[in-house]
Amino acid sequence: MDITKETIIGDILEAKPEAAEVLLEMGMHCLGCPSARGESLADACAVHGVDADEIAEKINAL
C-alpha cells in the first residue's frame, strides 16, 4: 500500500502497524481515538504542524 497524505490514519495503521511509531514521534498521541483514526494523514499533520508529504515518505520507507 502506497501511503499518501490523503490516506486515512486507520488504513495506514492496518496496513503498516509500525507506522504508529512515526505518528507518535510527530506528536499524534491519540492513535486509539476513533475520530483520529478516521481522518486523513493531511488533516492529522495540519493539526500537529508537520509536513504531510514528509510523514508519508517516512511511513512508506518503513
N, C-alpha and C. Protein backbone atom coordinates (compact mmCIF):
# COMPACT_ATOMS: atom_id res chain seq x y z
N MET A 1 0.85 -1.18 0.00
CA MET A 1 0.00 0.00 0.00
C MET A 1 0.89 1.24 0.00
N ASP A 2 0.65 2.14 -0.94
CA ASP A 2 1.37 3.40 -1.01
C ASP A 2 0.63 4.44 -0.17
N ILE A 3 1.30 4.97 0.83
CA ILE A 3 0.69 5.95 1.73
C ILE A 3 0.87 7.35 1.13
N THR A 4 -0.24 8.08 1.07
CA THR A 4 -0.20 9.47 0.63
C THR A 4 -0.80 10.33 1.74
N LYS A 5 -0.76 11.63 1.55
CA LYS A 5 -1.34 12.50 2.57
C LYS A 5 -2.86 12.37 2.64
N GLU A 6 -3.46 11.76 1.64
CA GLU A 6 -4.91 11.57 1.65
C GLU A 6 -5.33 10.24 2.30
N THR A 7 -4.36 9.40 2.63
CA THR A 7 -4.67 8.10 3.23
C THR A 7 -5.21 8.31 4.65
N ILE A 8 -6.22 7.52 5.00
CA ILE A 8 -6.85 7.61 6.32
C ILE A 8 -5.94 6.94 7.36
N ILE A 9 -5.81 7.57 8.52
CA ILE A 9 -4.93 7.07 9.58
C ILE A 9 -5.24 5.62 9.93
N GLY A 10 -6.50 5.27 10.07
CA GLY A 10 -6.87 3.89 10.39
C GLY A 10 -6.38 2.92 9.34
N ASP A 11 -6.46 3.30 8.06
CA ASP A 11 -5.98 2.45 6.97
C ASP A 11 -4.46 2.30 7.02
N ILE A 12 -3.78 3.38 7.37
CA ILE A 12 -2.32 3.33 7.50
C ILE A 12 -1.93 2.33 8.58
N LEU A 13 -2.58 2.43 9.73
CA LEU A 13 -2.24 1.56 10.85
C LEU A 13 -2.59 0.10 10.58
N GLU A 14 -3.62 -0.14 9.81
CA GLU A 14 -3.95 -1.53 9.43
C GLU A 14 -2.91 -2.09 8.49
N ALA A 15 -2.49 -1.30 7.51
CA ALA A 15 -1.54 -1.77 6.51
C ALA A 15 -0.11 -1.83 7.06
N LYS A 16 0.23 -0.86 7.90
CA LYS A 16 1.59 -0.77 8.43
C LYS A 16 1.53 -0.41 9.91
N PRO A 17 1.32 -1.38 10.77
CA PRO A 17 1.24 -1.07 12.21
C PRO A 17 2.47 -0.36 12.74
N GLU A 18 3.63 -0.61 12.11
CA GLU A 18 4.87 0.04 12.55
C GLU A 18 4.84 1.55 12.31
N ALA A 19 3.87 2.03 11.53
CA ALA A 19 3.74 3.47 11.29
C ALA A 19 3.34 4.22 12.56
N ALA A 20 2.82 3.50 13.53
CA ALA A 20 2.44 4.13 14.79
C ALA A 20 3.62 4.89 15.40
N GLU A 21 4.81 4.34 15.29
CA GLU A 21 6.00 4.99 15.85
C GLU A 21 6.23 6.35 15.20
N VAL A 22 6.09 6.42 13.87
CA VAL A 22 6.28 7.69 13.16
C VAL A 22 5.20 8.69 13.58
N LEU A 23 3.98 8.22 13.69
CA LEU A 23 2.88 9.11 14.07
C LEU A 23 3.04 9.61 15.50
N LEU A 24 3.49 8.73 16.39
CA LEU A 24 3.73 9.14 17.77
C LEU A 24 4.86 10.17 17.84
N GLU A 25 5.90 9.98 17.05
CA GLU A 25 7.03 10.91 17.03
C GLU A 25 6.61 12.31 16.57
N MET A 26 5.61 12.38 15.68
CA MET A 26 5.17 13.69 15.20
C MET A 26 4.21 14.36 16.17
N GLY A 27 3.88 13.67 17.27
CA GLY A 27 3.02 14.26 18.29
C GLY A 27 1.60 13.75 18.30
N MET A 28 1.30 12.79 17.45
CA MET A 28 -0.06 12.25 17.39
C MET A 28 -0.21 11.12 18.41
N HIS A 29 -0.57 11.50 19.63
CA HIS A 29 -0.65 10.54 20.72
C HIS A 29 -2.06 9.99 20.92
N CYS A 30 -2.93 10.27 20.01
CA CYS A 30 -4.34 9.86 20.13
C CYS A 30 -4.68 8.77 19.10
N LEU A 31 -3.77 7.86 18.85
CA LEU A 31 -3.98 6.87 17.79
C LEU A 31 -5.16 5.95 18.05
N GLY A 32 -5.54 5.76 19.29
CA GLY A 32 -6.67 4.90 19.61
C GLY A 32 -8.02 5.59 19.51
N CYS A 33 -8.01 6.89 19.36
CA CYS A 33 -9.25 7.66 19.30
C CYS A 33 -9.96 7.43 17.97
N PRO A 34 -11.23 7.05 17.99
CA PRO A 34 -11.95 6.80 16.73
C PRO A 34 -11.94 7.98 15.77
N SER A 35 -12.01 9.20 16.27
CA SER A 35 -12.02 10.35 15.36
C SER A 35 -10.66 10.52 14.71
N ALA A 36 -9.58 10.27 15.44
CA ALA A 36 -8.24 10.39 14.86
C ALA A 36 -8.01 9.34 13.79
N ARG A 37 -8.49 8.13 14.02
CA ARG A 37 -8.29 7.04 13.07
C ARG A 37 -9.08 7.28 11.78
N GLY A 38 -10.09 8.16 11.82
CA GLY A 38 -10.91 8.42 10.65
C GLY A 38 -10.49 9.61 9.83
N GLU A 39 -9.44 10.32 10.26
CA GLU A 39 -9.01 11.49 9.50
C GLU A 39 -7.85 11.13 8.58
N SER A 40 -7.64 11.97 7.59
CA SER A 40 -6.55 11.74 6.65
C SER A 40 -5.22 12.11 7.30
N LEU A 41 -4.15 11.61 6.72
CA LEU A 41 -2.81 11.97 7.20
C LEU A 41 -2.62 13.48 7.08
N ALA A 42 -3.12 14.09 6.01
CA ALA A 42 -3.00 15.54 5.82
C ALA A 42 -3.69 16.30 6.95
N ASP A 43 -4.88 15.85 7.34
CA ASP A 43 -5.61 16.50 8.43
C ASP A 43 -4.83 16.40 9.75
N ALA A 44 -4.32 15.20 10.03
CA ALA A 44 -3.56 14.99 11.27
C ALA A 44 -2.30 15.84 11.29
N CYS A 45 -1.62 15.89 10.17
CA CYS A 45 -0.39 16.68 10.09
C CYS A 45 -0.68 18.17 10.24
N ALA A 46 -1.78 18.64 9.68
CA ALA A 46 -2.14 20.05 9.81
C ALA A 46 -2.37 20.42 11.27
N VAL A 47 -3.03 19.55 12.00
CA VAL A 47 -3.30 19.80 13.42
C VAL A 47 -2.00 19.84 14.22
N HIS A 48 -1.05 18.99 13.83
CA HIS A 48 0.20 18.87 14.59
C HIS A 48 1.34 19.70 14.00
N GLY A 49 1.07 20.45 12.93
CA GLY A 49 2.04 21.37 12.37
C GLY A 49 3.24 20.71 11.71
N VAL A 50 3.01 19.57 11.06
CA VAL A 50 4.10 18.90 10.35
C VAL A 50 3.73 18.71 8.89
N ASP A 51 4.74 18.47 8.05
CA ASP A 51 4.54 18.32 6.62
C ASP A 51 4.01 16.92 6.30
N ALA A 52 2.83 16.83 5.72
CA ALA A 52 2.19 15.54 5.42
C ALA A 52 2.97 14.72 4.41
N ASP A 53 3.54 15.37 3.41
CA ASP A 53 4.32 14.63 2.41
C ASP A 53 5.56 13.99 3.04
N GLU A 54 6.19 14.71 3.95
CA GLU A 54 7.38 14.20 4.63
C GLU A 54 7.02 12.98 5.50
N ILE A 55 5.92 13.05 6.21
CA ILE A 55 5.49 11.94 7.06
C ILE A 55 5.10 10.74 6.18
N ALA A 56 4.42 10.98 5.07
CA ALA A 56 4.07 9.89 4.16
C ALA A 56 5.33 9.19 3.64
N GLU A 57 6.35 9.97 3.32
CA GLU A 57 7.62 9.40 2.86
C GLU A 57 8.24 8.52 3.94
N LYS A 58 8.23 9.00 5.18
CA LYS A 58 8.79 8.23 6.29
C LYS A 58 8.05 6.91 6.46
N ILE A 59 6.72 6.97 6.38
CA ILE A 59 5.93 5.75 6.55
C ILE A 59 6.16 4.79 5.40
N ASN A 60 6.21 5.30 4.19
CA ASN A 60 6.45 4.43 3.02
C ASN A 60 7.84 3.78 3.07
N ALA A 61 8.79 4.43 3.73
CA ALA A 61 10.15 3.89 3.83
C ALA A 61 10.25 2.75 4.85
N LEU A 62 9.23 2.58 5.67
CA LEU A 62 9.28 1.51 6.69
C LEU A 62 9.29 0.14 6.04
